């Protein structure tokens, strides 16, 4: 079960559990995996990651080390 941020304050937190301010996964590993996926997937469509993937593939095909790419926050 994924607890929405709006419900987070009204939901008691089990002893010893942790979570970000916006999501807490209750229900084991599969619930945590789903929460991680929902949180992380949008990062893979950012301009920075897309550029890095393209550079990594080009370097891999050329059998060269991956070049450093500047982070631009996009």
N, C-alpha and C. Protein backbone atom coordinates (compact mmCIF):
# COMPACT_ATOMS: atom_id res chain seq x y z
N UNK A 1 0.85 -1.16 0.00
CA UNK A 1 0.00 0.00 0.00
C UNK A 1 0.90 1.23 0.00
N UNK A 2 0.60 2.20 -0.83
CA UNK A 2 1.32 3.46 -0.88
C UNK A 2 0.46 4.52 -0.19
N UNK A 3 1.03 5.23 0.74
CA UNK A 3 0.29 6.26 1.46
C UNK A 3 0.58 7.61 0.82
N UNK A 4 -0.45 8.26 0.35
CA UNK A 4 -0.35 9.56 -0.29
C UNK A 4 0.16 10.60 0.71
N UNK A 5 0.87 11.60 0.21
CA UNK A 5 1.45 12.63 1.08
C UNK A 5 0.37 13.33 1.91
N UNK A 6 -0.83 13.51 1.35
CA UNK A 6 -1.91 14.17 2.08
C UNK A 6 -2.35 13.36 3.29
N UNK A 7 -2.22 12.04 3.21
CA UNK A 7 -2.61 11.16 4.30
C UNK A 7 -1.47 10.89 5.28
N UNK A 8 -0.27 11.28 4.93
CA UNK A 8 0.91 10.91 5.71
C UNK A 8 0.84 11.38 7.15
N UNK A 9 0.44 12.63 7.38
CA UNK A 9 0.39 13.15 8.74
C UNK A 9 -0.67 12.45 9.59
N UNK A 10 -1.75 12.00 8.96
CA UNK A 10 -2.84 11.35 9.69
C UNK A 10 -2.60 9.86 9.91
N UNK A 11 -1.57 9.31 9.28
CA UNK A 11 -1.29 7.88 9.37
C UNK A 11 -0.20 7.62 10.39
N UNK A 12 -0.48 6.75 11.39
CA UNK A 12 0.57 6.45 12.35
C UNK A 12 1.74 5.74 11.69
N UNK A 13 2.93 6.12 12.09
CA UNK A 13 4.14 5.53 11.53
C UNK A 13 4.57 4.36 12.41
N UNK A 14 4.71 3.15 11.83
CA UNK A 14 5.14 2.00 12.64
C UNK A 14 6.50 2.27 13.27
N UNK A 15 6.70 1.76 14.46
CA UNK A 15 7.95 1.94 15.19
C UNK A 15 9.12 1.45 14.34
N UNK A 16 10.13 2.29 14.21
CA UNK A 16 11.33 1.91 13.48
C UNK A 16 11.25 2.11 11.97
N UNK A 17 10.12 2.57 11.44
CA UNK A 17 10.04 2.75 9.99
C UNK A 17 10.56 4.12 9.61
N UNK A 18 10.99 4.22 8.39
CA UNK A 18 11.47 5.49 7.87
C UNK A 18 10.82 5.74 6.53
N UNK A 19 10.91 6.95 6.04
CA UNK A 19 10.36 7.27 4.73
C UNK A 19 10.57 8.72 4.42
N UNK A 20 10.44 9.06 3.15
CA UNK A 20 10.58 10.45 2.75
C UNK A 20 9.35 11.22 3.21
N UNK A 21 9.39 12.54 3.20
CA UNK A 21 8.21 13.30 3.59
C UNK A 21 7.03 13.09 2.65
N UNK A 22 7.28 12.63 1.42
CA UNK A 22 6.19 12.55 0.46
C UNK A 22 5.64 11.15 0.24
N UNK A 23 6.36 10.11 0.65
CA UNK A 23 5.85 8.76 0.43
C UNK A 23 6.40 7.81 1.49
N UNK A 24 5.55 6.91 1.95
CA UNK A 24 5.98 5.86 2.85
C UNK A 24 5.35 4.57 2.34
N UNK A 25 6.14 3.56 2.10
CA UNK A 25 5.63 2.29 1.60
C UNK A 25 5.34 1.38 2.78
N UNK A 26 4.14 0.82 2.81
CA UNK A 26 3.75 -0.15 3.82
C UNK A 26 3.29 -1.37 3.05
N UNK A 27 3.85 -2.52 3.32
CA UNK A 27 3.42 -3.70 2.60
C UNK A 27 4.57 -4.49 2.04
N UNK A 28 5.76 -4.28 2.58
CA UNK A 28 6.88 -5.12 2.19
C UNK A 28 7.66 -4.61 1.00
N UNK A 29 8.50 -5.52 0.50
CA UNK A 29 9.44 -5.18 -0.57
C UNK A 29 8.72 -4.76 -1.85
N UNK A 30 7.66 -5.44 -2.22
CA UNK A 30 6.98 -5.10 -3.48
C UNK A 30 6.40 -3.69 -3.43
N UNK A 31 5.86 -3.28 -2.28
CA UNK A 31 5.33 -1.92 -2.15
C UNK A 31 6.46 -0.89 -2.21
N UNK A 32 7.60 -1.22 -1.57
CA UNK A 32 8.75 -0.31 -1.61
C UNK A 32 9.30 -0.20 -3.04
N UNK A 33 9.36 -1.34 -3.75
CA UNK A 33 9.82 -1.32 -5.14
C UNK A 33 8.93 -0.45 -6.00
N UNK A 34 7.62 -0.55 -5.80
CA UNK A 34 6.69 0.26 -6.58
C UNK A 34 6.89 1.74 -6.29
N UNK A 35 7.06 2.07 -5.01
CA UNK A 35 7.27 3.47 -4.63
C UNK A 35 8.57 4.00 -5.22
N UNK A 36 9.62 3.20 -5.19
CA UNK A 36 10.91 3.61 -5.76
C UNK A 36 10.79 3.83 -7.26
N UNK A 37 10.12 2.92 -7.92
CA UNK A 37 9.95 3.02 -9.37
C UNK A 37 9.19 4.30 -9.73
N UNK A 38 8.10 4.56 -9.03
CA UNK A 38 7.30 5.76 -9.30
C UNK A 38 8.10 7.03 -9.06
N UNK A 39 9.00 6.99 -8.08
CA UNK A 39 9.81 8.15 -7.74
C UNK A 39 10.97 8.34 -8.71
N UNK A 40 11.63 7.24 -9.08
CA UNK A 40 12.86 7.33 -9.88
C UNK A 40 12.63 7.42 -11.39
N UNK A 41 11.59 6.82 -11.92
CA UNK A 41 11.43 6.75 -13.37
C UNK A 41 11.43 8.11 -14.07
N UNK A 42 10.80 9.14 -13.51
CA UNK A 42 10.84 10.44 -14.20
C UNK A 42 12.26 10.98 -14.41
N UNK A 43 13.21 10.56 -13.57
CA UNK A 43 14.59 11.02 -13.73
C UNK A 43 15.20 10.55 -15.05
N UNK A 44 14.75 9.40 -15.54
CA UNK A 44 15.32 8.83 -16.76
C UNK A 44 14.91 9.57 -18.02
N UNK A 45 13.96 10.49 -17.90
CA UNK A 45 13.54 11.27 -19.07
C UNK A 45 14.10 12.69 -19.05
N UNK A 46 14.92 13.00 -18.05
CA UNK A 46 15.48 14.35 -17.98
C UNK A 46 16.55 14.54 -19.05
N UNK A 47 16.81 15.76 -19.38
CA UNK A 47 17.82 16.10 -20.40
C UNK A 47 19.20 15.61 -19.99
N UNK A 48 19.56 15.79 -18.72
CA UNK A 48 20.88 15.36 -18.24
C UNK A 48 21.08 13.85 -18.42
N UNK A 49 20.10 13.06 -17.99
CA UNK A 49 20.24 11.60 -18.08
C UNK A 49 20.24 11.14 -19.53
N UNK A 50 19.38 11.72 -20.35
CA UNK A 50 19.32 11.33 -21.76
C UNK A 50 20.66 11.58 -22.45
N UNK A 51 21.28 12.73 -22.15
CA UNK A 51 22.61 13.03 -22.72
C UNK A 51 23.66 12.05 -22.24
N UNK A 52 23.61 11.74 -20.95
CA UNK A 52 24.60 10.81 -20.39
C UNK A 52 24.46 9.41 -20.98
N UNK A 53 23.22 8.96 -21.16
CA UNK A 53 23.01 7.65 -21.79
C UNK A 53 23.57 7.63 -23.20
N UNK A 54 23.32 8.69 -23.96
CA UNK A 54 23.82 8.75 -25.34
C UNK A 54 25.35 8.72 -25.35
N UNK A 55 25.98 9.46 -24.45
CA UNK A 55 27.45 9.46 -24.38
C UNK A 55 27.98 8.10 -23.95
N UNK A 56 27.30 7.46 -23.02
CA UNK A 56 27.74 6.15 -22.53
C UNK A 56 27.65 5.10 -23.64
N UNK A 57 26.57 5.12 -24.41
CA UNK A 57 26.40 4.16 -25.51
C UNK A 57 27.47 4.39 -26.58
N UNK A 58 27.70 5.65 -26.92
CA UNK A 58 28.72 5.97 -27.92
C UNK A 58 30.10 5.48 -27.46
N UNK A 59 30.43 5.72 -26.20
CA UNK A 59 31.72 5.28 -25.65
C UNK A 59 31.82 3.75 -25.62
N UNK A 60 30.73 3.08 -25.24
CA UNK A 60 30.72 1.63 -25.20
C UNK A 60 30.96 1.04 -26.59
N UNK A 61 30.28 1.59 -27.59
CA UNK A 61 30.46 1.11 -28.97
C UNK A 61 31.88 1.33 -29.47
N UNK A 62 32.51 2.41 -29.02
CA UNK A 62 33.88 2.73 -29.44
C UNK A 62 34.92 2.06 -28.52
N UNK A 63 34.42 1.30 -27.53
CA UNK A 63 35.30 0.64 -26.55
C UNK A 63 36.21 1.65 -25.84
N UNK A 64 35.62 2.77 -25.49
CA UNK A 64 36.32 3.84 -24.79
C UNK A 64 35.66 4.06 -23.43
N UNK A 65 36.36 4.68 -22.48
CA UNK A 65 35.73 5.01 -21.20
C UNK A 65 34.66 6.08 -21.39
N UNK A 66 33.69 6.07 -20.51
CA UNK A 66 32.64 7.09 -20.59
C UNK A 66 33.23 8.47 -20.31
N UNK A 67 32.91 9.45 -21.12
CA UNK A 67 33.43 10.80 -20.86
C UNK A 67 32.65 11.47 -19.72
N UNK A 68 33.28 12.44 -19.10
CA UNK A 68 32.59 13.25 -18.09
C UNK A 68 31.62 14.16 -18.81
N UNK A 69 30.43 14.29 -18.27
CA UNK A 69 29.42 15.17 -18.87
C UNK A 69 28.96 16.11 -17.77
N UNK A 70 28.89 17.39 -18.06
CA UNK A 70 28.47 18.37 -17.06
C UNK A 70 27.01 18.20 -16.73
N UNK A 71 26.67 18.34 -15.44
CA UNK A 71 25.31 18.31 -14.97
C UNK A 71 24.74 19.70 -15.11
N UNK A 72 23.58 19.82 -15.77
CA UNK A 72 22.97 21.13 -15.97
C UNK A 72 21.67 21.31 -15.22
N UNK A 73 21.22 20.26 -14.52
CA UNK A 73 20.01 20.39 -13.71
C UNK A 73 18.73 20.39 -14.52
N UNK A 74 18.77 19.72 -15.70
CA UNK A 74 17.56 19.67 -16.52
C UNK A 74 17.19 18.24 -16.80
